[in-house]
Protein backbone atom coordinates (compact mmCIF):
# COMPACT_ATOMS: atom_id res chain seq x y z
CA MET A 1 32.86 0.15 -61.65
CA ALA A 2 29.73 1.97 -60.55
CA SER A 3 26.77 0.04 -59.29
CA PRO A 4 23.94 -0.67 -61.78
CA ARG A 5 21.67 1.71 -59.91
CA LEU A 6 24.09 4.61 -60.30
CA SER A 7 24.74 3.89 -63.98
CA LYS A 8 21.01 4.19 -64.69
CA ALA A 9 20.49 7.31 -62.59
CA LYS A 10 19.54 10.71 -63.96
CA PRO A 11 22.32 13.31 -64.44
CA GLN A 12 20.89 15.43 -61.58
CA THR A 13 21.06 12.41 -59.26
CA ILE A 14 24.63 11.62 -60.28
CA LEU A 15 25.62 15.27 -59.70
CA LEU A 16 23.99 15.23 -56.25
CA VAL A 17 25.82 12.00 -55.37
CA LEU A 18 29.13 13.52 -56.47
CA VAL A 19 28.55 16.72 -54.48
CA VAL A 20 27.67 14.72 -51.36
CA ALA A 21 30.70 12.43 -51.88
CA VAL A 22 33.06 15.39 -52.22
CA GLY A 23 31.53 17.04 -49.16
CA LEU A 24 31.89 13.89 -47.08
CA HIS A 25 35.47 13.47 -48.27
CA GLY A 26 36.25 16.99 -47.16
CA LEU A 27 34.60 16.48 -43.77
CA LEU A 28 35.98 13.00 -43.02
CA LEU A 29 39.33 12.96 -44.81
CA GLY A 30 40.29 16.61 -45.22
CA TYR A 31 39.44 18.75 -42.22
CA PRO A 32 40.44 16.42 -39.31
CA PHE A 33 43.79 15.40 -40.81
CA TRP A 34 44.57 19.02 -41.75
CA ARG A 35 43.83 20.25 -38.22
CA LEU A 36 45.83 17.44 -36.64
CA GLY A 37 48.77 18.26 -38.90
CA GLN A 38 48.52 21.94 -37.91
CA TRP A 39 48.50 21.09 -34.20
CA LEU A 40 51.52 18.84 -34.71
CA GLU A 41 53.19 21.80 -36.46
CA LEU A 42 54.04 19.92 -39.63
CA PRO A 43 55.66 22.02 -42.37
CA GLU A 44 52.99 23.38 -44.71
CA ALA A 45 54.37 21.58 -47.79
CA ILE A 46 54.39 18.21 -46.02
CA LEU A 47 50.95 18.86 -44.53
CA ALA A 48 49.48 19.77 -47.92
CA LEU A 49 51.02 16.68 -49.55
CA MET A 50 49.69 14.45 -46.75
CA VAL A 51 46.15 15.81 -47.06
CA VAL A 52 46.17 15.48 -50.88
CA VAL A 53 47.25 11.83 -50.63
CA ILE A 54 44.60 11.15 -47.98
CA LEU A 55 41.89 12.84 -50.03
CA LEU A 56 42.89 10.81 -53.11
CA SER A 57 43.20 7.55 -51.17
CA GLN A 58 39.58 6.48 -51.68
CA LEU A 59 39.64 7.38 -55.37
CA LEU A 60 42.74 5.21 -55.78
CA CYS A 61 41.18 2.33 -53.83
CA ARG A 62 37.90 2.43 -55.79
CA TRP A 63 39.45 2.91 -59.23
CA PRO A 64 43.01 1.74 -60.17
CA LEU A 65 43.23 -0.51 -57.08
CA ARG A 66 39.65 -1.75 -57.20
CA GLN A 67 40.69 -5.12 -58.65
CA VAL A 68 43.83 -6.24 -56.82
CA ARG A 69 45.59 -9.41 -57.89
CA SER A 70 48.95 -9.49 -56.12
CA THR A 71 49.82 -9.41 -52.44
CA LEU A 72 51.73 -6.16 -52.99
CA ALA A 73 48.75 -4.42 -54.63
CA ARG A 74 46.41 -5.60 -51.87
CA SER A 75 48.87 -4.34 -49.21
CA ILE A 76 49.07 -0.91 -50.88
CA LYS A 77 45.29 -0.75 -51.07
CA GLN A 78 44.86 -1.70 -47.41
CA LEU A 79 47.46 0.91 -46.42
CA LEU A 80 45.51 3.57 -48.34
CA GLU A 81 42.34 2.46 -46.52
CA VAL A 82 43.84 3.35 -43.12
CA PRO A 83 42.79 7.05 -43.23
CA LEU A 84 39.18 6.00 -43.88
CA ALA A 85 39.38 3.54 -40.97
CA VAL A 86 40.43 6.13 -38.40
CA SER A 87 38.68 9.17 -39.88
CA PRO A 88 35.38 8.87 -37.89
CA ILE A 89 37.10 8.65 -34.51
CA LEU A 90 39.64 11.31 -35.56
CA LEU A 91 36.84 13.67 -36.57
CA LEU A 92 35.16 13.24 -33.18
CA LEU A 93 38.47 13.79 -31.35
CA VAL A 94 39.29 16.90 -33.37
CA LEU A 95 35.82 18.41 -32.84
CA ALA A 96 36.10 17.76 -29.10
CA ALA A 97 39.57 19.29 -29.08
CA GLU A 98 38.35 22.37 -30.98
CA GLY A 99 35.79 22.93 -28.21
CA GLY A 100 38.40 22.40 -25.52
CA LEU A 101 40.87 24.79 -27.15
CA ALA A 102 38.17 27.45 -27.41
CA LEU A 103 37.41 27.24 -23.68
CA VAL A 104 40.77 26.47 -22.10
CA TRP A 105 44.28 27.53 -23.06
CA VAL A 106 46.22 24.39 -23.90
CA ASP A 107 49.30 23.94 -26.02
CA ARG A 108 48.04 22.83 -29.43
CA SER A 109 50.96 20.48 -30.01
CA ASP A 110 50.14 18.67 -26.76
CA VAL A 111 46.58 18.19 -27.99
CA GLY A 112 47.87 16.90 -31.33
CA PHE A 113 50.18 14.37 -29.70
CA MET A 114 47.39 13.22 -27.39
CA ILE A 115 45.14 12.57 -30.40
CA LEU A 116 47.99 10.84 -32.20
CA GLY A 117 48.44 8.60 -29.14
CA VAL A 118 44.76 7.66 -29.14
CA LEU A 119 44.91 6.77 -32.84
CA GLY A 120 48.07 4.74 -32.19
CA CYS A 121 46.10 2.63 -29.71
CA VAL A 122 42.85 2.41 -31.68
CA LEU A 123 44.37 1.35 -35.02
CA PRO A 124 46.00 -1.94 -33.94
CA VAL A 125 42.97 -2.85 -31.81
CA GLY A 126 40.58 -2.29 -34.72
CA ALA A 127 42.82 -4.25 -37.11
CA PHE A 128 43.07 -7.14 -34.62
CA ILE A 129 39.27 -7.31 -34.22
CA ALA A 130 38.82 -7.35 -38.01
CA TRP A 131 41.46 -10.03 -38.56
CA ARG A 132 40.29 -12.48 -35.86
CA PRO A 133 36.54 -13.20 -36.01
CA VAL A 134 34.98 -14.33 -32.74
CA ILE A 135 32.82 -17.45 -32.57
CA LYS A 136 29.35 -16.38 -31.50
CA THR A 137 27.17 -19.21 -30.12
CA LEU A 138 23.42 -18.92 -30.55
CA SER A 139 21.04 -21.39 -28.86
CA LEU A 140 17.45 -21.79 -30.08
CA GLN A 141 14.60 -24.25 -29.68
CA ASN A 142 11.96 -25.39 -32.14
CA PRO A 143 9.39 -28.20 -31.88
CA LYS A 144 9.51 -28.94 -35.64
CA LEU A 145 12.94 -30.57 -35.36
CA ALA A 146 13.14 -34.33 -34.99
CA LYS A 147 16.64 -34.00 -33.54
CA ALA A 148 19.15 -31.28 -32.73
CA LEU A 149 20.54 -29.16 -35.55
CA HIS A 150 23.93 -27.41 -35.57
CA ILE A 151 24.71 -24.96 -38.37
CA VAL A 152 27.26 -22.19 -38.87
CA GLN A 153 26.74 -18.88 -40.65
CA ILE A 154 29.40 -16.67 -42.23
CA THR A 155 28.59 -13.58 -44.24
CA ASP A 156 30.24 -10.54 -45.84
CA VAL A 157 33.63 -12.24 -46.05
CA HIS A 158 34.58 -10.02 -49.02
CA ILE A 159 37.24 -12.18 -50.64
CA GLY A 160 38.96 -9.86 -53.07
CA SER A 161 39.16 -6.98 -50.64
CA ARG A 162 40.31 -9.59 -48.12
CA SER A 163 43.12 -11.98 -48.93
CA PRO A 164 42.70 -15.71 -49.62
CA ARG A 165 44.70 -16.30 -46.41
CA PHE A 166 41.72 -14.94 -44.48
CA LEU A 167 39.48 -17.57 -46.08
CA THR A 168 41.97 -20.31 -45.18
CA ARG A 169 41.83 -19.26 -41.52
CA LEU A 170 38.02 -19.19 -41.58
CA VAL A 171 37.80 -22.68 -43.05
CA LYS A 172 40.11 -24.08 -40.37
CA LYS A 173 37.94 -22.57 -37.64
CA ILE A 174 34.72 -23.83 -39.21
CA ASN A 175 36.08 -27.36 -39.61
CA LYS A 176 37.05 -27.29 -35.95
CA ILE A 177 33.51 -26.25 -34.96
CA ASP A 178 32.25 -29.17 -37.10
CA PRO A 179 28.64 -28.10 -37.83
CA GLU A 180 26.11 -30.12 -39.80
CA ALA A 181 26.09 -27.44 -42.53
CA LEU A 182 27.63 -24.06 -43.36
CA MET A 183 25.48 -21.13 -44.55
CA ILE A 184 27.12 -18.28 -46.51
CA THR A 185 24.72 -15.36 -46.71
CA GLY A 186 26.19 -13.18 -49.46
CA ASP A 187 29.01 -10.75 -50.19
CA PHE A 188 31.41 -13.67 -50.06
CA ILE A 189 33.31 -12.27 -53.07
CA ASP A 190 33.51 -8.58 -53.97
CA GLN A 191 35.94 -8.56 -56.89
CA THR A 192 36.08 -9.72 -60.48
CA GLY A 193 38.54 -12.48 -61.35
CA VAL A 194 38.94 -14.24 -57.99
CA ASP A 195 40.61 -17.44 -59.19
CA ALA A 196 40.28 -21.10 -58.25
CA ARG A 197 43.36 -21.02 -56.02
CA ALA A 198 41.82 -18.30 -53.85
CA LEU A 199 38.64 -20.37 -53.40
CA ALA A 200 40.42 -23.73 -52.97
CA PRO A 201 40.04 -23.73 -49.15
CA LEU A 202 36.28 -24.27 -49.67
CA LYS A 203 37.08 -27.78 -50.96
CA THR A 204 38.50 -28.72 -47.55
CA LEU A 205 35.25 -28.02 -45.68
CA SER A 206 33.92 -31.21 -44.10
CA MET A 207 30.21 -30.33 -44.29
CA PRO A 208 27.69 -29.27 -46.98
CA VAL A 209 27.82 -25.57 -47.83
CA PHE A 210 24.86 -23.41 -48.93
CA PHE A 211 25.35 -20.00 -50.52
CA VAL A 212 23.17 -17.05 -51.56
CA ILE A 213 24.36 -13.99 -53.45
CA GLY A 214 24.72 -10.54 -51.93
CA ASN A 215 24.86 -7.12 -53.52
CA HIS A 216 28.61 -7.31 -54.19
CA GLU A 217 28.32 -10.50 -56.21
CA ARG A 218 25.67 -8.73 -58.30
CA TYR A 219 28.06 -5.83 -58.91
CA GLU A 220 30.81 -8.14 -60.20
CA ASP A 221 31.04 -11.06 -62.69
CA LEU A 222 28.18 -12.96 -61.07
CA GLU A 223 28.15 -15.99 -63.37
CA ALA A 224 31.91 -16.48 -63.04
CA ILE A 225 31.65 -16.18 -59.25
CA LEU A 226 28.86 -18.76 -59.15
CA ALA A 227 30.85 -21.12 -61.38
CA GLY A 228 33.85 -20.76 -59.10
CA VAL A 229 32.02 -21.57 -55.88
CA LYS A 230 30.08 -24.43 -57.51
CA ALA A 231 33.39 -25.94 -58.62
CA CYS A 232 34.34 -26.07 -54.94
CA GLY A 233 31.25 -28.10 -54.09
CA VAL A 234 29.12 -25.24 -52.78
CA ASN A 235 25.33 -25.47 -53.17
CA VAL A 236 24.13 -22.19 -54.72
CA LEU A 237 20.53 -21.37 -53.82
CA ARG A 238 18.94 -18.86 -56.19
CA ASN A 239 15.28 -18.52 -55.34
CA ARG A 240 14.95 -22.21 -54.54
CA GLY A 241 15.02 -24.63 -51.64
CA VAL A 242 16.68 -27.96 -50.84
CA SER A 243 16.42 -30.50 -48.04
CA LEU A 244 19.31 -30.72 -45.62
CA ARG A 245 17.55 -33.68 -44.00
CA ASP A 246 13.97 -34.94 -43.76
CA ASP A 247 13.02 -32.39 -41.10
CA VAL A 248 15.11 -29.41 -42.33
CA GLN A 249 14.57 -27.33 -45.48
CA ILE A 250 17.05 -24.64 -46.63
CA VAL A 251 15.76 -21.88 -48.94
CA GLY A 252 17.89 -19.18 -50.56
CA VAL A 253 16.69 -15.97 -52.23
CA ASP A 254 18.77 -13.62 -54.41
CA ASP A 255 19.66 -10.26 -52.90
CA SER A 256 17.74 -7.28 -54.26
CA ASP A 257 17.52 -3.56 -53.60
CA ASP A 258 13.74 -3.99 -53.73
CA PRO A 259 12.42 -4.12 -50.13
CA THR A 260 9.51 -6.32 -51.31
CA GLN A 261 11.84 -9.00 -52.76
CA LEU A 262 10.93 -11.68 -50.23
CA LYS A 263 7.23 -10.92 -50.40
CA ARG A 264 7.33 -11.33 -54.20
CA VAL A 265 9.65 -14.34 -54.49
CA LEU A 266 8.79 -16.62 -51.56
CA PRO A 267 5.26 -17.56 -52.76
CA GLY A 268 6.82 -19.03 -55.90
CA ILE A 269 9.15 -21.38 -54.00
CA ASP A 270 7.68 -24.75 -53.09
CA THR A 271 8.45 -25.73 -49.50
CA PRO A 272 6.96 -28.56 -47.44
CA ASN A 273 4.37 -27.65 -44.84
CA ARG A 274 6.13 -29.71 -42.20
CA GLY A 275 9.64 -29.54 -40.84
CA PHE A 276 12.03 -26.75 -39.86
CA LYS A 277 12.56 -24.11 -42.56
CA VAL A 278 15.61 -21.85 -42.80
CA LEU A 279 15.77 -18.84 -45.14
CA LEU A 280 19.07 -17.41 -46.35
CA TYR A 281 18.72 -13.81 -47.54
CA HIS A 282 21.58 -11.32 -47.62
CA ARG A 283 20.00 -8.14 -46.30
CA PRO A 284 17.71 -7.89 -43.24
CA THR A 285 14.84 -6.28 -45.13
CA GLY A 286 11.28 -7.57 -45.47
CA LEU A 287 11.96 -10.56 -43.23
CA GLU A 288 8.40 -10.43 -41.94
CA ALA A 289 7.35 -12.03 -45.24
CA ALA A 290 9.35 -15.14 -44.26
CA ALA A 291 7.49 -15.36 -40.96
CA GLU A 292 4.19 -15.11 -42.81
CA ARG A 293 5.25 -18.01 -45.08
CA GLY A 294 5.95 -20.27 -42.10
CA PHE A 295 9.74 -20.04 -41.90
CA ASP A 296 11.34 -20.75 -38.55
CA LEU A 297 14.72 -19.04 -38.96
CA THR A 298 16.17 -16.40 -41.28
CA LEU A 299 19.89 -15.70 -41.59
CA SER A 300 21.12 -12.37 -42.97
CA GLY A 301 24.14 -10.05 -42.91
CA HIS A 302 24.93 -6.97 -45.05
CA THR A 303 24.93 -4.32 -42.30
CA HIS A 304 28.41 -5.01 -40.85
CA ASN A 305 26.81 -3.39 -37.77
CA GLY A 306 28.23 -0.19 -39.23
CA GLN A 307 31.76 -1.68 -39.04
CA VAL A 308 33.25 1.54 -37.63
CA PHE A 309 31.70 3.72 -34.93
CA PRO A 310 29.67 5.96 -35.26
CA PHE A 311 28.42 4.53 -38.59
CA ASN A 312 26.44 2.04 -36.46
CA VAL A 313 23.97 4.84 -35.72
CA LEU A 314 23.54 5.76 -39.40
CA VAL A 315 23.20 2.16 -40.62
CA LYS A 316 20.57 1.40 -37.97
CA ARG A 317 18.34 4.11 -39.45
CA GLN A 318 18.29 2.21 -42.76
CA PHE A 319 18.29 -1.30 -41.28
CA PRO A 320 16.51 -1.37 -37.90
CA LYS A 321 17.43 -5.06 -37.61
CA ILE A 322 21.12 -4.17 -37.63
CA LYS A 323 22.57 -7.11 -35.68
CA GLY A 324 21.57 -9.90 -33.35
CA LEU A 325 18.38 -11.88 -32.80
CA TYR A 326 14.88 -10.64 -33.60
CA ARG A 327 11.53 -12.40 -33.79
CA THR A 328 8.34 -12.16 -35.87
CA TYR A 329 5.52 -14.50 -34.85
CA ASP A 330 7.20 -17.93 -34.56
CA CYS A 331 10.17 -17.02 -36.75
CA ASP A 332 13.61 -16.08 -35.42
CA HIS A 333 15.69 -13.64 -37.45
CA TYR A 334 19.45 -13.56 -36.93
CA VAL A 335 21.47 -10.71 -38.43
CA SER A 336 25.23 -11.23 -38.33
CA PRO A 337 27.54 -8.21 -38.04
CA GLY A 338 29.67 -9.88 -40.72
CA THR A 339 32.70 -12.15 -40.83
CA GLY A 340 35.01 -10.01 -42.94
CA THR A 341 35.26 -6.31 -43.73
CA TRP A 342 34.76 -4.07 -46.74
CA GLY A 343 37.24 -1.27 -47.32
CA PRO A 344 39.54 -0.96 -44.31
CA VAL A 345 40.53 -4.17 -42.54
CA PHE A 346 39.33 -2.47 -39.38
CA ARG A 347 36.44 -2.61 -36.93
CA LEU A 348 35.57 -0.32 -34.06
CA GLY A 349 32.33 -0.72 -32.15
CA SER A 350 31.52 -3.95 -34.02
CA LEU A 351 32.94 -7.47 -34.18
CA SER A 352 33.83 -9.87 -36.97
CA GLU A 353 31.84 -13.03 -36.31
CA ILE A 354 31.46 -16.69 -37.15
CA THR A 355 28.00 -17.66 -35.88
CA SER A 356 27.55 -21.17 -34.45
CA ILE A 357 23.82 -21.88 -34.16
CA HIS A 358 22.46 -24.76 -32.10
CA ILE A 359 18.74 -25.53 -32.43
CA THR A 360 17.22 -28.22 -30.24
CA PRO A 361 13.73 -29.75 -30.36
CA GLY A 362 11.52 -28.10 -27.78
């Protein structure tokens, strides 16, 4: 299903998007795999079939396999995502090899096997990083706290693309960390029809959970998603705030493509003048408005830190606050690189992260 923005776009815009998409498919998923197959001296029929399947892989993943229900369907989808996972690094390797072959005589099959060896090392490493989020510890100080505060953030889990087993493993880790509260900053679910059994691990969390929607929830059956997480005891914050304790206020704002969303919405949310104020907002855009409204900490995600190198460079152009800790006035902004993955279960040049945040009075 196309995003709402695309469905409302003009025909010329849709045509441009399609042309760009086809061009990128050819560059990322056609040319490098075709050249590698040539260097490996694959028979032309097999090479052509391989490239056709690779070129169609993303169409299959975004259309007939967009909503996966069974373990088998999810496994097929994740297998078809593998070419997309390795395509950026393969493109760079092939371009470097083209230059080398133009300057120095080298057996092309040797070059092909060398590239294949690199991919054979990179693929399991990237899959391992994506499957096992690290626990990132962040230590802050703030004089508005009456006592120490320990919270955990997860974001961009992408249940639907990722299996319910992944959520079970996350919940076990979070319970072991034992924070005072868990913050989920959007893109928790990216598929229609995620059932109660898939979300059941949320009921075993031993702390209050606060959730704001991301862009993927907006693209799917939002009301059903919200009903599902609420049934698991999750506090959904849609342009409103609640008190975690007397000295801590948690505010959540709906994700929006509008960069002025926070500037427009925050003035309409009543928050106490005293105490420590945390804002949950999916994308790291317009966070300066939170600082101007007296917030002390904002938690965001969305960027995935590019997920796969060299997309980090491209994403940073759109979101300068791409990952890590930033500051505006007296407000700290933390942007997580994400806990799960979208598309390939693969990371290269970025980490999957559970963020454990300790704030002490000071």
